[in-house]
Amino acid sequence: MKKKNIKSKEEANWEERVVQVKRVTKVVKGGKKLSFRAVLVVGDEKGHIGVGVGKANDVIGAVKKGVTDAKKHLINIPLTKYASIPHPTYGTSGAAKVILRPSATGSGVIAGGSTRTVLELAGIKNILAKQLGSNNTLNNTRAVLDALNSLRTFQKTAKDRDISLENLYT
């Protein structure tokens, strides 16, 4: 009997990138208390992506917490054979809005800021993206994740409608 080659979350080679580290303060009775907030993106460049936030009194602790949080919130993305997305999509988080559109082969990742980081770690090579509304880094990364989470394949759409794949095109 053949062994199935299934990798768990720990075995897959995850790449993690820090999108933002912010120094935040909390006013307490004795004065101001400093802490750090880190926004991280974790992906394997094969269609798995997660965004996490970590808060701690030091940067290293915040980054570690962010990585574990990102691995808890992983999503799977359907990719086309040209390393793009199947259809245009739209995502929101707070006041941040993101539009994602599939692009021609060889065009690359046309996106800015945190959107680019998320799309690159997801393994998407050809895409057009536009951030609208807010400049908040965390909300923009979550908006991209929302847009990617709403992607559907032709097979899934045909199955949901209870029709064959050939009838989907007519």
C-alpha atoms as a PDB file:
ATOM      1  CA  MET A   1       0.000   0.000   0.000  1.00  0.00           C
ATOM      2  CA  LYS A   2       1.264   3.468  -0.962  1.00  0.00           C
ATOM      3  CA  LYS A   3       1.737   6.146   1.661  1.00  0.00           C
ATOM      4  CA  LYS A   4      -0.025   9.402   0.978  1.00  0.00           C
ATOM      5  CA  ASN A   5       2.224  12.450   1.011  1.00  0.00           C
ATOM      6  CA  ILE A   6       0.139  14.837   3.103  1.00  0.00           C
ATOM      7  CA  LYS A   7       1.960  17.661   4.834  1.00  0.00           C
ATOM      8  CA  SER A   8       0.665  19.145   8.052  1.00  0.00           C
ATOM      9  CA  LYS A   9       0.816  22.839   8.931  1.00  0.00           C
ATOM     10  CA  GLU A  10       4.184  22.372  10.640  1.00  0.00           C
ATOM     11  CA  GLU A  11       5.851  20.314   7.871  1.00  0.00           C
ATOM     12  CA  ALA A  12       5.046  22.630   4.955  1.00  0.00           C
ATOM     13  CA  ASN A  13       7.713  25.234   4.259  1.00  0.00           C
ATOM     14  CA  TRP A  14       5.891  28.380   5.317  1.00  0.00           C
ATOM     15  CA  GLU A  15       7.335  31.735   4.469  1.00  0.00           C
ATOM     16  CA  GLU A  16       6.503  34.538   6.855  1.00  0.00           C
ATOM     17  CA  ARG A  17       6.791  38.261   6.236  1.00  0.00           C
ATOM     18  CA  VAL A  18       6.329  41.106   8.663  1.00  0.00           C
ATOM     19  CA  VAL A  19       4.031  43.673   7.066  1.00  0.00           C
ATOM     20  CA  GLN A  20       4.028  46.202   9.893  1.00  0.00           C
ATOM     21  CA  VAL A  21       5.429  46.716  13.376  1.00  0.00           C
ATOM     22  CA  LYS A  22       3.813  49.518  15.352  1.00  0.00           C
ATOM     23  CA  ARG A  23       4.762  50.936  18.725  1.00  0.00           C
ATOM     24  CA  VAL A  24       1.574  51.488  20.679  1.00  0.00           C
ATOM     25  CA  THR A  25       1.082  53.147  24.041  1.00  0.00           C
ATOM     26  CA  LYS A  26      -1.496  52.701  26.747  1.00  0.00           C
ATOM     27  CA  VAL A  27      -2.000  55.387  29.352  1.00  0.00           C
ATOM     28  CA  VAL A  28      -2.079  53.891  32.846  1.00  0.00           C
ATOM     29  CA  LYS A  29      -2.001  55.355  36.361  1.00  0.00           C
ATOM     30  CA  GLY A  30       1.805  55.547  36.462  1.00  0.00           C
ATOM     31  CA  GLY A  31       2.244  57.022  32.972  1.00  0.00           C
ATOM     32  CA  LYS A  32       2.478  55.501  29.499  1.00  0.00           C
ATOM     33  CA  LYS A  33       3.002  51.784  28.920  1.00  0.00           C
ATOM     34  CA  LEU A  34       4.765  50.892  25.659  1.00  0.00           C
ATOM     35  CA  SER A  35       4.022  47.732  23.675  1.00  0.00           C
ATOM     36  CA  PHE A  36       4.323  46.537  20.067  1.00  0.00           C
ATOM     37  CA  ARG A  37       1.835  45.290  17.496  1.00  0.00           C
ATOM     38  CA  ALA A  38       3.068  43.191  14.564  1.00  0.00           C
ATOM     39  CA  VAL A  39       1.032  42.328  11.456  1.00  0.00           C
ATOM     40  CA  LEU A  40       2.326  39.192   9.703  1.00  0.00           C
ATOM     41  CA  VAL A  41       1.508  37.251   6.561  1.00  0.00           C
ATOM     42  CA  VAL A  42       2.250  33.524   6.336  1.00  0.00           C
ATOM     43  CA  GLY A  43       2.069  31.611   3.050  1.00  0.00           C
ATOM     44  CA  ASP A  44       3.507  28.632   1.178  1.00  0.00           C
ATOM     45  CA  GLU A  45       3.240  30.094  -2.365  1.00  0.00           C
ATOM     46  CA  LYS A  46       0.948  27.188  -3.307  1.00  0.00           C
ATOM     47  CA  GLY A  47      -2.430  28.734  -2.535  1.00  0.00           C
ATOM     48  CA  HIS A  48      -2.363  28.750   1.276  1.00  0.00           C
ATOM     49  CA  ILE A  49      -2.281  32.100   3.043  1.00  0.00           C
ATOM     50  CA  GLY A  50      -2.947  33.539   6.498  1.00  0.00           C
ATOM     51  CA  VAL A  51      -2.781  36.941   8.181  1.00  0.00           C
ATOM     52  CA  GLY A  52      -2.109  37.325  11.888  1.00  0.00           C
ATOM     53  CA  VAL A  53      -1.651  40.029  14.511  1.00  0.00           C
ATOM     54  CA  GLY A  54       0.510  39.758  17.611  1.00  0.00           C
ATOM     55  CA  LYS A  55       0.860  42.139  20.539  1.00  0.00           C
ATOM     56  CA  ALA A  56       3.625  41.992  23.146  1.00  0.00           C
ATOM     57  CA  ASN A  57       6.004  44.126  25.188  1.00  0.00           C
ATOM     58  CA  ASP A  58       8.860  43.404  22.759  1.00  0.00           C
ATOM     59  CA  VAL A  59       9.032  43.124  18.965  1.00  0.00           C
ATOM     60  CA  ILE A  60      10.219  39.490  18.885  1.00  0.00           C
ATOM     61  CA  GLY A  61       7.358  38.349  21.110  1.00  0.00           C
ATOM     62  CA  ALA A  62       4.835  40.236  18.966  1.00  0.00           C
ATOM     63  CA  VAL A  63       6.207  38.614  15.798  1.00  0.00           C
ATOM     64  CA  LYS A  64       6.037  35.118  17.330  1.00  0.00           C
ATOM     65  CA  LYS A  65       2.432  35.679  18.433  1.00  0.00           C
ATOM     66  CA  GLY A  66       1.605  37.027  14.979  1.00  0.00           C
ATOM     67  CA  VAL A  67       2.973  33.893  13.276  1.00  0.00           C
ATOM     68  CA  THR A  68       0.898  31.557  15.456  1.00  0.00           C
ATOM     69  CA  ASP A  69      -2.193  33.724  14.877  1.00  0.00           C
ATOM     70  CA  ALA A  70      -1.626  33.686  11.104  1.00  0.00           C
ATOM     71  CA  LYS A  71      -1.307  29.876  11.070  1.00  0.00           C
ATOM     72  CA  LYS A  72      -4.636  29.630  12.922  1.00  0.00           C
ATOM     73  CA  HIS A  73      -6.397  31.691  10.234  1.00  0.00           C
ATOM     74  CA  LEU A  74      -5.198  29.949   7.051  1.00  0.00           C
ATOM     75  CA  ILE A  75      -7.323  29.883   3.901  1.00  0.00           C
ATOM     76  CA  ASN A  76      -6.954  27.940   0.654  1.00  0.00           C
ATOM     77  CA  ILE A  77      -7.094  29.798  -2.661  1.00  0.00           C
ATOM     78  CA  PRO A  78      -7.996  28.295  -6.046  1.00  0.00           C
ATOM     79  CA  LEU A  79      -5.264  29.197  -8.546  1.00  0.00           C
ATOM     80  CA  THR A  80      -5.418  28.855 -12.329  1.00  0.00           C
ATOM     81  CA  LYS A  81      -2.698  27.090 -14.310  1.00  0.00           C
ATOM     82  CA  TYR A  82      -1.279  30.527 -15.157  1.00  0.00           C
ATOM     83  CA  ALA A  83      -0.786  31.339 -11.433  1.00  0.00           C
ATOM     84  CA  SER A  84      -3.658  33.821 -11.381  1.00  0.00           C
ATOM     85  CA  ILE A  85      -7.153  33.946  -9.885  1.00  0.00           C
ATOM     86  CA  PRO A  86     -10.201  32.462 -11.677  1.00  0.00           C
ATOM     87  CA  HIS A  87     -12.330  35.648 -11.760  1.00  0.00           C
ATOM     88  CA  PRO A  88     -12.411  39.293 -10.604  1.00  0.00           C
ATOM     89  CA  THR A  89     -13.291  39.732  -6.948  1.00  0.00           C
ATOM     90  CA  TYR A  90     -13.852  42.421  -4.353  1.00  0.00           C
ATOM     91  CA  GLY A  91     -13.081  42.432  -0.619  1.00  0.00           C
ATOM     92  CA  THR A  92     -13.685  44.740   2.314  1.00  0.00           C
ATOM     93  CA  SER A  93     -12.522  45.081   5.882  1.00  0.00           C
ATOM     94  CA  GLY A  94     -13.532  48.170   7.820  1.00  0.00           C
ATOM     95  CA  ALA A  95     -13.173  51.145   5.468  1.00  0.00           C
ATOM     96  CA  ALA A  96     -10.585  49.366   3.304  1.00  0.00           C
ATOM     97  CA  LYS A  97     -11.754  48.033  -0.042  1.00  0.00           C
ATOM     98  CA  VAL A  98      -9.695  45.949  -2.476  1.00  0.00           C
ATOM     99  CA  ILE A  99     -10.387  45.013  -6.105  1.00  0.00           C
ATOM    100  CA  LEU A 100      -8.543  41.983  -7.533  1.00  0.00           C
ATOM    101  CA  ARG A 101      -8.591  41.123 -11.232  1.00  0.00           C
ATOM    102  CA  PRO A 102      -6.853  38.275 -13.079  1.00  0.00           C
ATOM    103  CA  SER A 103      -4.126  39.460 -15.399  1.00  0.00           C
ATOM    104  CA  ALA A 104      -2.362  38.249 -18.548  1.00  0.00           C
ATOM    105  CA  THR A 105       0.521  35.804 -18.263  1.00  0.00           C
ATOM    106  CA  GLY A 106       3.824  37.558 -17.638  1.00  0.00           C
ATOM    107  CA  SER A 107       2.308  40.774 -16.291  1.00  0.00           C
ATOM    108  CA  GLY A 108       3.374  40.055 -12.710  1.00  0.00           C
ATOM    109  CA  VAL A 109       1.856  41.226  -9.443  1.00  0.00           C
ATOM    110  CA  ILE A 110       0.590  44.756  -9.985  1.00  0.00           C
ATOM    111  CA  ALA A 111      -0.288  45.798  -6.445  1.00  0.00           C
ATOM    112  CA  GLY A 112       1.015  48.044  -3.725  1.00  0.00           C
ATOM    113  CA  GLY A 113       1.811  47.873  -0.044  1.00  0.00           C
ATOM    114  CA  SER A 114       0.496  45.033   2.052  1.00  0.00           C
ATOM    115  CA  THR A 115      -1.676  43.773  -0.836  1.00  0.00           C
ATOM    116  CA  ARG A 116       1.443  42.824  -2.803  1.00  0.00           C
ATOM    117  CA  THR A 117       2.889  40.897   0.147  1.00  0.00           C
ATOM    118  CA  VAL A 118      -0.292  38.843   0.618  1.00  0.00           C
ATOM    119  CA  LEU A 119      -0.612  38.039  -3.096  1.00  0.00           C
ATOM    120  CA  GLU A 120       3.051  37.045  -3.489  1.00  0.00           C
ATOM    121  CA  LEU A 121       2.982  34.707  -0.482  1.00  0.00           C
ATOM    122  CA  ALA A 122      -0.239  33.129  -1.784  1.00  0.00           C
ATOM    123  CA  GLY A 123       1.645  32.093  -4.933  1.00  0.00           C
ATOM    124  CA  ILE A 124      -0.229  34.376  -7.321  1.00  0.00           C
ATOM    125  CA  LYS A 125       2.060  35.536 -10.145  1.00  0.00           C
ATOM    126  CA  ASN A 126      -0.282  37.449 -12.523  1.00  0.00           C
ATOM    127  CA  ILE A 127      -2.821  39.806 -10.971  1.00  0.00           C
ATOM    128  CA  LEU A 128      -4.025  43.407 -10.929  1.00  0.00           C
ATOM    129  CA  ALA A 129      -5.007  44.865  -7.550  1.00  0.00           C
ATOM    130  CA  LYS A 130      -6.265  48.235  -6.380  1.00  0.00           C
ATOM    131  CA  GLN A 131      -6.678  49.443  -2.809  1.00  0.00           C
ATOM    132  CA  LEU A 132      -9.557  51.854  -2.249  1.00  0.00           C
ATOM    133  CA  GLY A 133     -10.701  53.743   0.830  1.00  0.00           C
ATOM    134  CA  SER A 134      -8.418  53.333   3.802  1.00  0.00           C
ATOM    135  CA  ASN A 135      -4.616  53.345   4.049  1.00  0.00           C
ATOM    136  CA  ASN A 136      -4.722  51.171   7.177  1.00  0.00           C
ATOM    137  CA  THR A 137      -2.257  48.299   6.633  1.00  0.00           C
ATOM    138  CA  LEU A 138      -4.088  45.738   8.771  1.00  0.00           C
ATOM    139  CA  ASN A 139      -7.488  46.459   7.185  1.00  0.00           C
ATOM    140  CA  ASN A 140      -5.986  46.285   3.681  1.00  0.00           C
ATOM    141  CA  THR A 141      -4.420  42.871   4.359  1.00  0.00           C
ATOM    142  CA  ARG A 142      -7.703  41.588   5.794  1.00  0.00           C
ATOM    143  CA  ALA A 143      -9.602  42.995   2.789  1.00  0.00           C
ATOM    144  CA  VAL A 144      -7.309  41.060   0.421  1.00  0.00           C
ATOM    145  CA  LEU A 145      -7.888  37.903   2.482  1.00  0.00           C
ATOM    146  CA  ASP A 146     -11.656  38.521   2.291  1.00  0.00           C
ATOM    147  CA  ALA A 147     -11.457  38.906  -1.503  1.00  0.00           C
ATOM    148  CA  LEU A 148      -9.339  35.760  -1.910  1.00  0.00           C
ATOM    149  CA  ASN A 149     -11.672  33.798   0.374  1.00  0.00           C
ATOM    150  CA  SER A 150     -14.628  34.584  -1.904  1.00  0.00           C
ATOM    151  CA  LEU A 151     -12.965  33.013  -4.977  1.00  0.00           C
ATOM    152  CA  ARG A 152     -14.714  30.018  -6.538  1.00  0.00           C
ATOM    153  CA  THR A 153     -13.729  27.570  -9.262  1.00  0.00           C
ATOM    154  CA  PHE A 154     -15.897  26.615 -12.231  1.00  0.00           C
ATOM    155  CA  GLN A 155     -16.285  23.106 -10.768  1.00  0.00           C
ATOM    156  CA  LYS A 156     -17.518  24.460  -7.434  1.00  0.00           C
ATOM    157  CA  THR A 157     -19.991  26.819  -9.131  1.00  0.00           C
ATOM    158  CA  ALA A 158     -21.357  24.009 -11.329  1.00  0.00           C
ATOM    159  CA  LYS A 159     -21.710  21.736  -8.282  1.00  0.00           C
ATOM    160  CA  ASP A 160     -23.519  24.448  -6.267  1.00  0.00           C
ATOM    161  CA  ARG A 161     -25.982  24.986  -9.127  1.00  0.00           C
ATOM    162  CA  ASP A 162     -26.453  21.217  -9.672  1.00  0.00           C
ATOM    163  CA  ILE A 163     -25.551  21.395 -13.360  1.00  0.00           C
ATOM    164  CA  SER A 164     -22.764  19.882 -15.422  1.00  0.00           C
ATOM    165  CA  LEU A 165     -19.606  21.848 -16.177  1.00  0.00           C
ATOM    166  CA  GLU A 166     -20.476  21.977 -19.912  1.00  0.00           C
ATOM    167  CA  ASN A 167     -23.895  23.549 -19.191  1.00  0.00           C
ATOM    168  CA  LEU A 168     -22.242  26.257 -17.089  1.00  0.00           C
ATOM    169  CA  TYR A 169     -20.834  27.930 -20.215  1.00  0.00           C
ATOM    170  CA  THR A 170     -24.118  27.949 -22.173  1.00  0.00           C
END
